[in-house]
């Protein structure tokens, strides 16, 4: 039995269960990577790749944005299929605090490249790269992706090759049609 006092441990309908507080604390610490690990198996079983995940929480309302891909492209029906399956999983697992919108989309033509596999897949394509801090006196590069490995990418800009560490890339995006 809980001791009587200032009522801090009592809810409107009686004592509050301590596990609910713990659950909220655990939920707040779930990272985007952990969330991706939770969702990816479901998305893969449906025949899609989880291209990227953006999580914005805070305030009264958050957004969980999933970008999915497959070999022959993604349409509205694909987004709906993934949305329904992921929504059901999120309802059961309840990994996010509060209210949020679930958005499912294709990565688009100007897709972000965030994983080593992304860079390897688009070798030879034109991309824009923004670095977190200047390398070789500049933060922005626009050129052809020549090569990539676990540590760095090589971008050719105006005939000159630039080796850029993957860990210091802020954003990298494909340039549709090379323009």
N, C-alpha and C. Protein backbone atom coordinates (compact mmCIF):
# COMPACT_ATOMS: atom_id res chain seq x y z
N UNK A 1 0.84 -1.18 0.00
CA UNK A 1 0.00 0.00 0.00
C UNK A 1 0.88 1.23 0.00
N UNK A 2 0.51 2.21 -0.77
CA UNK A 2 1.28 3.45 -0.85
C UNK A 2 0.96 4.37 0.30
N UNK A 3 1.98 5.02 0.85
CA UNK A 3 1.71 5.94 1.95
C UNK A 3 0.97 7.17 1.45
N UNK A 4 0.13 7.69 2.30
CA UNK A 4 -0.58 8.92 1.96
C UNK A 4 0.38 10.07 2.14
N UNK A 5 0.16 11.13 1.41
CA UNK A 5 1.06 12.27 1.52
C UNK A 5 0.59 13.36 0.59
N UNK A 6 1.53 13.90 -0.17
CA UNK A 6 1.17 15.00 -1.05
C UNK A 6 0.46 14.53 -2.32
N UNK A 7 0.27 13.24 -2.48
CA UNK A 7 -0.48 12.72 -3.62
C UNK A 7 0.36 12.57 -4.87
N UNK A 8 1.66 12.76 -4.79
CA UNK A 8 2.48 12.70 -6.00
C UNK A 8 2.49 11.31 -6.62
N UNK A 9 2.26 10.26 -5.84
CA UNK A 9 2.25 8.91 -6.39
C UNK A 9 0.84 8.43 -6.68
N UNK A 10 -0.14 9.29 -6.50
CA UNK A 10 -1.52 8.90 -6.73
C UNK A 10 -2.04 9.57 -7.99
N UNK A 11 -2.67 8.78 -8.84
CA UNK A 11 -3.31 9.32 -10.04
C UNK A 11 -4.76 9.61 -9.75
N UNK A 12 -5.47 10.01 -10.75
CA UNK A 12 -6.88 10.35 -10.59
C UNK A 12 -7.71 9.14 -10.15
N UNK A 13 -7.32 7.94 -10.64
CA UNK A 13 -8.07 6.73 -10.32
C UNK A 13 -7.35 5.83 -9.34
N UNK A 14 -6.44 6.37 -8.54
CA UNK A 14 -5.72 5.57 -7.57
C UNK A 14 -4.22 5.61 -7.82
N UNK A 15 -3.49 4.68 -7.22
CA UNK A 15 -2.04 4.68 -7.36
C UNK A 15 -1.62 4.50 -8.81
N UNK A 16 -0.56 5.22 -9.21
CA UNK A 16 -0.02 5.07 -10.56
C UNK A 16 0.98 3.92 -10.55
N UNK A 17 0.95 3.10 -11.58
CA UNK A 17 1.89 1.99 -11.68
C UNK A 17 3.26 2.53 -12.07
N UNK A 18 4.29 2.08 -11.40
CA UNK A 18 5.64 2.57 -11.66
C UNK A 18 6.16 2.14 -13.02
N UNK A 19 5.71 0.99 -13.54
CA UNK A 19 6.21 0.52 -14.82
C UNK A 19 5.81 1.46 -15.96
N UNK A 20 4.73 2.19 -15.83
CA UNK A 20 4.35 3.14 -16.88
C UNK A 20 5.36 4.27 -16.98
N UNK A 21 5.83 4.73 -15.87
CA UNK A 21 6.85 5.78 -15.86
C UNK A 21 8.12 5.25 -16.50
N UNK A 22 8.52 4.04 -16.15
CA UNK A 22 9.71 3.43 -16.72
C UNK A 22 9.57 3.26 -18.23
N UNK A 23 8.40 2.83 -18.67
CA UNK A 23 8.17 2.64 -20.10
C UNK A 23 8.36 3.96 -20.83
N UNK A 24 7.83 5.02 -20.31
CA UNK A 24 7.98 6.33 -20.94
C UNK A 24 9.45 6.72 -21.01
N UNK A 25 10.18 6.47 -19.93
CA UNK A 25 11.60 6.81 -19.91
C UNK A 25 12.35 5.99 -20.94
N UNK A 26 12.03 4.71 -21.08
CA UNK A 26 12.68 3.86 -22.08
C UNK A 26 12.32 4.35 -23.48
N UNK A 27 11.07 4.68 -23.69
CA UNK A 27 10.63 5.15 -25.00
C UNK A 27 11.38 6.40 -25.42
N UNK A 28 11.60 7.30 -24.49
CA UNK A 28 12.28 8.54 -24.82
C UNK A 28 13.71 8.31 -25.27
N UNK A 29 14.31 7.19 -24.86
CA UNK A 29 15.70 6.94 -25.19
C UNK A 29 15.87 6.13 -26.48
N UNK A 30 14.80 5.73 -27.14
CA UNK A 30 14.93 4.95 -28.36
C UNK A 30 15.49 5.83 -29.47
N UNK A 31 16.60 5.40 -30.05
CA UNK A 31 17.23 6.17 -31.11
C UNK A 31 16.61 5.82 -32.47
N UNK A 32 16.92 6.61 -33.45
CA UNK A 32 16.46 6.32 -34.82
C UNK A 32 17.00 4.98 -35.29
N UNK A 33 18.24 4.65 -34.93
CA UNK A 33 18.83 3.37 -35.33
C UNK A 33 18.08 2.20 -34.68
N UNK A 34 17.72 2.34 -33.42
CA UNK A 34 16.98 1.28 -32.73
C UNK A 34 15.58 1.13 -33.34
N UNK A 35 14.98 2.24 -33.68
CA UNK A 35 13.66 2.21 -34.31
C UNK A 35 13.75 1.55 -35.69
N UNK A 36 14.79 1.86 -36.44
CA UNK A 36 14.99 1.23 -37.75
C UNK A 36 15.14 -0.28 -37.60
N UNK A 37 15.88 -0.73 -36.58
CA UNK A 37 16.06 -2.16 -36.35
C UNK A 37 14.73 -2.84 -36.01
N UNK A 38 13.86 -2.12 -35.33
CA UNK A 38 12.54 -2.65 -34.99
C UNK A 38 11.66 -2.78 -36.24
N UNK A 39 11.69 -1.77 -37.09
CA UNK A 39 10.78 -1.70 -38.24
C UNK A 39 11.28 -2.44 -39.48
N UNK A 40 12.58 -2.50 -39.66
CA UNK A 40 13.15 -3.03 -40.91
C UNK A 40 12.71 -4.46 -41.26
N UNK A 41 12.69 -5.40 -40.31
CA UNK A 41 12.25 -6.75 -40.67
C UNK A 41 10.84 -6.79 -41.27
N UNK A 42 9.93 -6.02 -40.75
CA UNK A 42 8.56 -5.97 -41.28
C UNK A 42 8.56 -5.41 -42.69
N UNK A 43 9.32 -4.35 -42.91
CA UNK A 43 9.38 -3.70 -44.23
C UNK A 43 10.02 -4.63 -45.25
N UNK A 44 11.08 -5.34 -44.85
CA UNK A 44 11.76 -6.27 -45.75
C UNK A 44 10.85 -7.44 -46.10
N UNK A 45 10.10 -7.96 -45.11
CA UNK A 45 9.16 -9.07 -45.37
C UNK A 45 8.12 -8.67 -46.42
N UNK A 46 7.78 -7.40 -46.49
CA UNK A 46 6.81 -6.93 -47.48
C UNK A 46 7.44 -6.73 -48.86
N UNK A 47 8.77 -6.87 -48.95
CA UNK A 47 9.45 -6.76 -50.24
C UNK A 47 10.07 -5.39 -50.51
N UNK A 48 10.29 -4.61 -49.47
CA UNK A 48 10.83 -3.26 -49.63
C UNK A 48 12.12 -3.11 -48.84
N UNK A 49 12.84 -2.06 -49.17
CA UNK A 49 14.03 -1.68 -48.42
C UNK A 49 13.70 -0.42 -47.63
N UNK A 50 14.10 -0.39 -46.38
CA UNK A 50 13.98 0.84 -45.59
C UNK A 50 15.15 1.72 -45.99
N UNK A 51 14.89 2.70 -46.83
CA UNK A 51 15.95 3.56 -47.37
C UNK A 51 16.46 4.52 -46.30
N UNK A 52 15.53 5.13 -45.58
CA UNK A 52 15.91 6.11 -44.57
C UNK A 52 14.76 6.27 -43.59
N UNK A 53 15.06 6.79 -42.43
CA UNK A 53 14.07 7.02 -41.40
C UNK A 53 14.39 8.37 -40.76
N UNK A 54 13.37 9.20 -40.62
CA UNK A 54 13.51 10.48 -39.92
C UNK A 54 12.53 10.49 -38.77
N UNK A 55 13.03 10.82 -37.60
CA UNK A 55 12.20 10.87 -36.40
C UNK A 55 12.32 12.25 -35.79
N UNK A 56 11.19 12.92 -35.67
CA UNK A 56 11.17 14.24 -35.05
C UNK A 56 10.13 14.20 -33.94
N UNK A 57 10.61 14.21 -32.70
CA UNK A 57 9.72 14.19 -31.55
C UNK A 57 9.95 15.46 -30.75
N UNK A 58 8.98 15.77 -29.96
CA UNK A 58 9.06 16.98 -29.14
C UNK A 58 7.81 17.80 -29.31
N UNK A 59 7.57 18.66 -28.37
CA UNK A 59 6.36 19.44 -28.43
C UNK A 59 5.15 18.53 -28.24
N UNK A 60 4.05 18.92 -28.84
CA UNK A 60 2.82 18.15 -28.69
C UNK A 60 2.68 17.04 -29.72
N UNK A 61 3.42 17.16 -30.82
CA UNK A 61 3.20 16.24 -31.93
C UNK A 61 4.53 15.92 -32.60
N UNK A 62 4.77 14.66 -32.90
CA UNK A 62 5.99 14.25 -33.57
C UNK A 62 5.69 13.69 -34.95
N UNK A 63 6.76 13.40 -35.69
CA UNK A 63 6.63 12.82 -37.03
C UNK A 63 7.64 11.69 -37.16
N UNK A 64 7.16 10.54 -37.61
CA UNK A 64 8.02 9.43 -37.99
C UNK A 64 7.87 9.29 -39.49
N UNK A 65 8.94 9.57 -40.21
CA UNK A 65 8.90 9.56 -41.67
C UNK A 65 9.79 8.42 -42.17
N UNK A 66 9.19 7.49 -42.92
CA UNK A 66 9.91 6.35 -43.48
C UNK A 66 10.03 6.53 -44.99
N UNK A 67 11.21 6.25 -45.51
CA UNK A 67 11.43 6.27 -46.95
C UNK A 67 11.72 4.84 -47.36
N UNK A 68 10.90 4.31 -48.27
CA UNK A 68 11.04 2.92 -48.71
C UNK A 68 11.40 2.88 -50.18
N UNK A 69 12.00 1.77 -50.60
CA UNK A 69 12.38 1.62 -51.99
C UNK A 69 12.25 0.16 -52.38
N UNK A 70 12.16 -0.08 -53.68
CA UNK A 70 12.25 -1.42 -54.26
C UNK A 70 12.73 -1.27 -55.69
N UNK A 71 13.15 -2.35 -56.28
CA UNK A 71 13.81 -2.32 -57.59
C UNK A 71 13.00 -1.62 -58.67
N UNK A 72 11.70 -1.87 -58.72
CA UNK A 72 10.89 -1.27 -59.79
C UNK A 72 10.16 0.00 -59.36
N UNK A 73 10.63 0.62 -58.28
CA UNK A 73 10.06 1.89 -57.84
C UNK A 73 8.93 1.71 -56.83
N UNK A 74 8.50 2.81 -56.25
CA UNK A 74 7.50 2.81 -55.19
C UNK A 74 6.34 3.70 -55.61
N UNK A 75 5.13 3.17 -55.46
CA UNK A 75 3.92 3.93 -55.75
C UNK A 75 3.09 4.12 -54.49
N UNK A 76 1.95 4.78 -54.66
CA UNK A 76 1.06 5.06 -53.54
C UNK A 76 0.59 3.79 -52.85
N UNK A 77 0.26 2.74 -53.62
CA UNK A 77 -0.19 1.48 -53.03
C UNK A 77 0.90 0.86 -52.15
N UNK A 78 2.15 0.99 -52.58
CA UNK A 78 3.27 0.46 -51.79
C UNK A 78 3.37 1.20 -50.45
N UNK A 79 3.25 2.52 -50.51
CA UNK A 79 3.33 3.32 -49.28
C UNK A 79 2.19 2.96 -48.33
N UNK A 80 1.01 2.75 -48.87
CA UNK A 80 -0.13 2.39 -48.04
C UNK A 80 0.08 1.02 -47.39
N UNK A 81 0.58 0.07 -48.16
CA UNK A 81 0.84 -1.28 -47.65
C UNK A 81 1.82 -1.25 -46.48
N UNK A 82 2.91 -0.52 -46.65
CA UNK A 82 3.92 -0.42 -45.59
C UNK A 82 3.37 0.35 -44.39
N UNK A 83 2.62 1.41 -44.65
CA UNK A 83 2.04 2.22 -43.58
C UNK A 83 1.13 1.38 -42.68
N UNK A 84 0.28 0.57 -43.28
CA UNK A 84 -0.64 -0.26 -42.49
C UNK A 84 0.12 -1.27 -41.63
N UNK A 85 1.13 -1.91 -42.21
CA UNK A 85 1.89 -2.93 -41.48
C UNK A 85 2.72 -2.29 -40.36
N UNK A 86 3.38 -1.19 -40.66
CA UNK A 86 4.21 -0.52 -39.66
C UNK A 86 3.35 0.07 -38.55
N UNK A 87 2.21 0.63 -38.92
CA UNK A 87 1.29 1.20 -37.94
C UNK A 87 0.85 0.13 -36.94
N UNK A 88 0.52 -1.06 -37.43
CA UNK A 88 0.11 -2.16 -36.55
C UNK A 88 1.26 -2.55 -35.62
N UNK A 89 2.47 -2.62 -36.15
CA UNK A 89 3.63 -2.95 -35.33
C UNK A 89 3.87 -1.89 -34.26
N UNK A 90 3.76 -0.63 -34.64
CA UNK A 90 3.96 0.46 -33.67
C UNK A 90 2.89 0.46 -32.59
N UNK A 91 1.67 0.09 -32.96
CA UNK A 91 0.60 0.01 -31.96
C UNK A 91 0.90 -1.06 -30.92
N UNK A 92 1.49 -2.18 -31.36
CA UNK A 92 1.81 -3.27 -30.44
C UNK A 92 3.05 -2.95 -29.61
N UNK A 93 4.11 -2.50 -30.26
CA UNK A 93 5.39 -2.25 -29.58
C UNK A 93 5.41 -0.94 -28.80
N UNK A 94 4.68 0.04 -29.26
CA UNK A 94 4.57 1.37 -28.64
C UNK A 94 5.94 1.96 -28.27
N UNK A 95 6.84 2.11 -29.28
CA UNK A 95 8.19 2.58 -28.97
C UNK A 95 8.34 4.10 -28.86
N UNK A 96 7.30 4.85 -29.22
CA UNK A 96 7.41 6.31 -29.24
C UNK A 96 6.44 6.95 -28.26
N UNK A 97 6.90 7.96 -27.54
CA UNK A 97 6.02 8.63 -26.60
C UNK A 97 5.07 9.59 -27.31
N UNK A 98 3.92 9.80 -26.74
CA UNK A 98 3.02 10.83 -27.23
C UNK A 98 2.41 10.54 -28.59
N UNK A 99 1.92 11.60 -29.19
CA UNK A 99 1.26 11.51 -30.49
C UNK A 99 2.25 11.83 -31.59
N UNK A 100 2.11 11.13 -32.71
CA UNK A 100 2.98 11.38 -33.85
C UNK A 100 2.25 10.95 -35.12
N UNK A 101 2.69 11.51 -36.24
CA UNK A 101 2.18 11.12 -37.55
C UNK A 101 3.18 10.16 -38.17
N UNK A 102 2.67 9.12 -38.79
CA UNK A 102 3.50 8.19 -39.55
C UNK A 102 3.36 8.56 -41.02
N UNK A 103 4.47 8.86 -41.66
CA UNK A 103 4.49 9.18 -43.08
C UNK A 103 5.39 8.17 -43.79
N UNK A 104 4.90 7.62 -44.90
CA UNK A 104 5.68 6.67 -45.68
C UNK A 104 5.77 7.22 -47.10
N UNK A 105 6.99 7.23 -47.64
CA UNK A 105 7.23 7.85 -48.94
C UNK A 105 8.33 7.11 -49.67
N UNK A 106 8.42 7.37 -50.98
CA UNK A 106 9.60 6.92 -51.73
C UNK A 106 10.73 7.89 -51.43
N UNK A 107 11.98 7.49 -51.65
CA UNK A 107 13.08 8.42 -51.40
C UNK A 107 13.16 9.55 -52.43
N UNK A 108 12.47 9.42 -53.55
CA UNK A 108 12.48 10.46 -54.57
C UNK A 108 13.71 10.41 -55.46
N UNK A 109 13.69 11.21 -56.49
CA UNK A 109 14.81 11.25 -57.42
C UNK A 109 16.04 11.90 -56.80
N UNK A 110 15.83 12.86 -55.90
CA UNK A 110 16.95 13.54 -55.25
C UNK A 110 17.21 12.94 -53.87
N UNK A 111 17.13 11.63 -53.80
CA UNK A 111 17.21 10.90 -52.54
C UNK A 111 18.50 11.18 -51.77
N UNK A 112 18.36 11.12 -50.45
CA UNK A 112 19.52 11.22 -49.58
C UNK A 112 20.28 9.90 -49.62
N UNK A 113 21.57 10.00 -49.61
CA UNK A 113 22.43 8.82 -49.50
C UNK A 113 22.99 8.84 -48.08
N UNK A 114 22.64 7.83 -47.28
CA UNK A 114 23.01 7.83 -45.87
C UNK A 114 23.82 6.61 -45.44
N UNK A 115 23.83 5.58 -46.25
CA UNK A 115 24.53 4.35 -45.89
C UNK A 115 25.62 4.06 -46.93
N UNK A 116 26.61 3.31 -46.52
CA UNK A 116 27.69 2.91 -47.44
C UNK A 116 27.09 2.23 -48.67
N UNK A 117 26.08 1.38 -48.46
CA UNK A 117 25.44 0.68 -49.58
C UNK A 117 24.82 1.65 -50.58
N UNK A 118 24.28 2.76 -50.09
CA UNK A 118 23.71 3.77 -50.98
C UNK A 118 24.77 4.33 -51.91
N UNK A 119 25.91 4.70 -51.34
CA UNK A 119 26.99 5.27 -52.15
C UNK A 119 27.48 4.24 -53.17
N UNK A 120 27.61 2.99 -52.75
CA UNK A 120 28.09 1.96 -53.66
C UNK A 120 27.11 1.73 -54.81
N UNK A 121 25.83 1.79 -54.52
CA UNK A 121 24.81 1.57 -55.55
C UNK A 121 24.81 2.68 -56.60
N UNK A 122 25.15 3.90 -56.19
CA UNK A 122 25.04 5.04 -57.11
C UNK A 122 26.40 5.57 -57.59
N UNK A 123 27.41 4.71 -57.59
CA UNK A 123 28.70 5.08 -58.16
C UNK A 123 28.49 5.46 -59.63
N UNK A 124 29.10 6.57 -60.03
CA UNK A 124 28.96 7.07 -61.40
C UNK A 124 27.89 8.13 -61.55
N UNK A 125 27.08 8.33 -60.52
CA UNK A 125 26.00 9.32 -60.57
C UNK A 125 26.49 10.67 -60.04
N UNK A 126 25.75 11.72 -60.40
CA UNK A 126 26.04 13.07 -59.92
C UNK A 126 25.37 13.25 -58.56
N UNK A 127 26.11 13.83 -57.62
CA UNK A 127 25.52 14.09 -56.32
C UNK A 127 26.02 15.42 -55.76
N UNK A 128 25.24 15.92 -54.78
CA UNK A 128 25.62 17.10 -54.00
C UNK A 128 25.93 16.64 -52.59
N UNK A 129 27.06 17.11 -52.08
CA UNK A 129 27.49 16.71 -50.74
C UNK A 129 27.73 17.97 -49.92
N UNK A 130 27.19 17.99 -48.72
CA UNK A 130 27.46 19.07 -47.76
C UNK A 130 28.19 18.45 -46.58
N UNK A 131 29.36 18.98 -46.28
CA UNK A 131 30.17 18.46 -45.17
C UNK A 131 29.81 19.20 -43.88
N UNK A 132 30.07 18.58 -42.73
CA UNK A 132 29.82 19.22 -41.44
C UNK A 132 30.79 20.36 -41.19
N UNK A 133 31.99 20.23 -41.73
CA UNK A 133 33.00 21.29 -41.61
C UNK A 133 33.85 21.26 -42.87
N UNK A 134 34.56 22.34 -43.17
CA UNK A 134 35.32 22.42 -44.43
C UNK A 134 36.41 21.35 -44.56
N UNK A 135 36.51 20.81 -45.75
CA UNK A 135 37.59 19.91 -46.13
C UNK A 135 38.18 20.49 -47.41
N UNK A 136 39.49 20.63 -47.41
CA UNK A 136 40.16 21.26 -48.55
C UNK A 136 39.59 22.67 -48.79
N UNK A 137 39.19 23.32 -47.70
CA UNK A 137 38.72 24.70 -47.79
C UNK A 137 37.28 24.87 -48.25
N UNK A 138 36.54 23.79 -48.38
CA UNK A 138 35.14 23.91 -48.81
C UNK A 138 34.24 22.91 -48.10
N UNK A 139 32.95 23.28 -48.01
CA UNK A 139 31.96 22.40 -47.38
C UNK A 139 31.03 21.76 -48.39
N UNK A 140 30.88 22.34 -49.57
CA UNK A 140 29.93 21.83 -50.57
C UNK A 140 30.68 21.29 -51.79
N UNK A 141 30.23 20.12 -52.23
CA UNK A 141 30.80 19.47 -53.40
C UNK A 141 29.64 19.01 -54.29
N UNK A 142 29.80 19.24 -55.58
CA UNK A 142 28.81 18.75 -56.55
C UNK A 142 29.60 18.13 -57.70
N UNK A 143 29.44 16.82 -57.85
CA UNK A 143 30.22 16.15 -58.88
C UNK A 143 29.83 14.69 -58.99
N UNK A 144 30.67 13.94 -59.68
CA UNK A 144 30.41 12.52 -59.94
C UNK A 144 30.99 11.68 -58.81
N UNK A 145 30.17 10.77 -58.31
CA UNK A 145 30.63 9.82 -57.29
C UNK A 145 31.50 8.78 -57.99
N UNK A 146 32.79 8.81 -57.71
CA UNK A 146 33.75 7.93 -58.39
C UNK A 146 33.87 6.59 -57.68
N UNK A 147 33.94 6.62 -56.34
CA UNK A 147 34.07 5.38 -55.59
C UNK A 147 33.67 5.63 -54.13
N UNK A 148 33.55 4.51 -53.40
CA UNK A 148 33.22 4.61 -51.98
C UNK A 148 33.65 3.34 -51.27
N UNK A 149 33.90 3.48 -49.98
CA UNK A 149 34.16 2.34 -49.12
C UNK A 149 33.57 2.67 -47.75
N UNK A 150 33.89 1.89 -46.75
CA UNK A 150 33.32 2.10 -45.41
C UNK A 150 33.75 3.43 -44.79
N UNK A 151 34.88 3.97 -45.20
CA UNK A 151 35.45 5.16 -44.58
C UNK A 151 35.20 6.45 -45.34
N UNK A 152 35.20 6.39 -46.67
CA UNK A 152 35.15 7.63 -47.45
C UNK A 152 34.50 7.43 -48.82
N UNK A 153 34.16 8.56 -49.44
CA UNK A 153 33.71 8.56 -50.82
C UNK A 153 34.66 9.45 -51.61
N UNK A 154 34.76 9.19 -52.91
CA UNK A 154 35.56 10.03 -53.78
C UNK A 154 34.61 10.67 -54.78
N UNK A 155 34.63 12.02 -54.80
CA UNK A 155 33.77 12.79 -55.70
C UNK A 155 34.68 13.57 -56.65
N UNK A 156 34.39 13.46 -57.94
CA UNK A 156 35.15 14.23 -58.93
C UNK A 156 34.39 15.49 -59.28
N UNK A 157 35.04 16.64 -59.04
CA UNK A 157 34.46 17.94 -59.32
C UNK A 157 35.40 18.67 -60.30
N UNK A 158 34.88 18.99 -61.48
CA UNK A 158 35.69 19.71 -62.49
C UNK A 158 37.03 19.03 -62.74
N UNK A 159 37.03 17.71 -62.88
CA UNK A 159 38.24 16.97 -63.20
C UNK A 159 39.16 16.71 -62.02
N UNK A 160 38.82 17.18 -60.84
CA UNK A 160 39.65 16.99 -59.66
C UNK A 160 38.93 16.08 -58.66
N UNK A 161 39.64 15.06 -58.16
CA UNK A 161 39.06 14.12 -57.19
C UNK A 161 39.21 14.63 -55.77
N UNK A 162 38.14 14.46 -54.99
CA UNK A 162 38.13 14.86 -53.58
C UNK A 162 37.70 13.65 -52.75
N UNK A 163 38.52 13.28 -51.77
CA UNK A 163 38.19 12.19 -50.86
C UNK A 163 37.52 12.79 -49.63
N UNK A 164 36.28 12.34 -49.37
CA UNK A 164 35.48 12.90 -48.29
C UNK A 164 35.14 11.80 -47.27
N UNK A 165 35.52 11.99 -46.01
CA UNK A 165 35.20 10.98 -44.99
C UNK A 165 33.68 10.87 -44.78
N UNK A 166 33.17 9.66 -44.83
CA UNK A 166 31.73 9.43 -44.66
C UNK A 166 31.25 9.96 -43.31
N UNK A 167 32.06 9.81 -42.27
CA UNK A 167 31.65 10.22 -40.92
C UNK A 167 31.42 11.73 -40.80
N UNK A 168 31.97 12.52 -41.71
CA UNK A 168 31.82 13.97 -41.61
C UNK A 168 30.87 14.55 -42.67
N UNK A 169 30.16 13.67 -43.38
CA UNK A 169 29.18 14.15 -44.35
C UNK A 169 27.91 14.55 -43.60
N UNK A 170 27.46 15.78 -43.83
CA UNK A 170 26.20 16.25 -43.25
C UNK A 170 25.04 15.71 -44.07
N UNK A 171 25.03 16.01 -45.36
CA UNK A 171 24.02 15.45 -46.27
C UNK A 171 24.65 15.16 -47.62
N UNK A 172 24.14 14.12 -48.25
CA UNK A 172 24.54 13.77 -49.62
C UNK A 172 23.26 13.40 -50.36
N UNK A 173 23.06 14.01 -51.51
CA UNK A 173 21.85 13.77 -52.30
C UNK A 173 22.20 13.55 -53.75
N UNK A 174 21.43 12.67 -54.39
CA UNK A 174 21.55 12.52 -55.85
C UNK A 174 21.04 13.78 -56.52
N UNK A 175 21.59 14.07 -57.68
CA UNK A 175 21.12 15.18 -58.49
C UNK A 175 20.36 14.56 -59.66
N UNK A 176 19.02 14.71 -59.70
CA UNK A 176 18.22 14.08 -60.76
C UNK A 176 18.67 14.56 -62.14
N UNK A 177 18.92 13.62 -63.03
CA UNK A 177 19.28 13.96 -64.40
C UNK A 177 20.64 14.64 -64.50
N UNK A 178 21.39 14.72 -63.42
CA UNK A 178 22.72 15.30 -63.44
C UNK A 178 22.75 16.81 -63.57
N UNK A 179 21.60 17.47 -63.39
CA UNK A 179 21.57 18.92 -63.54
C UNK A 179 21.93 19.64 -62.26
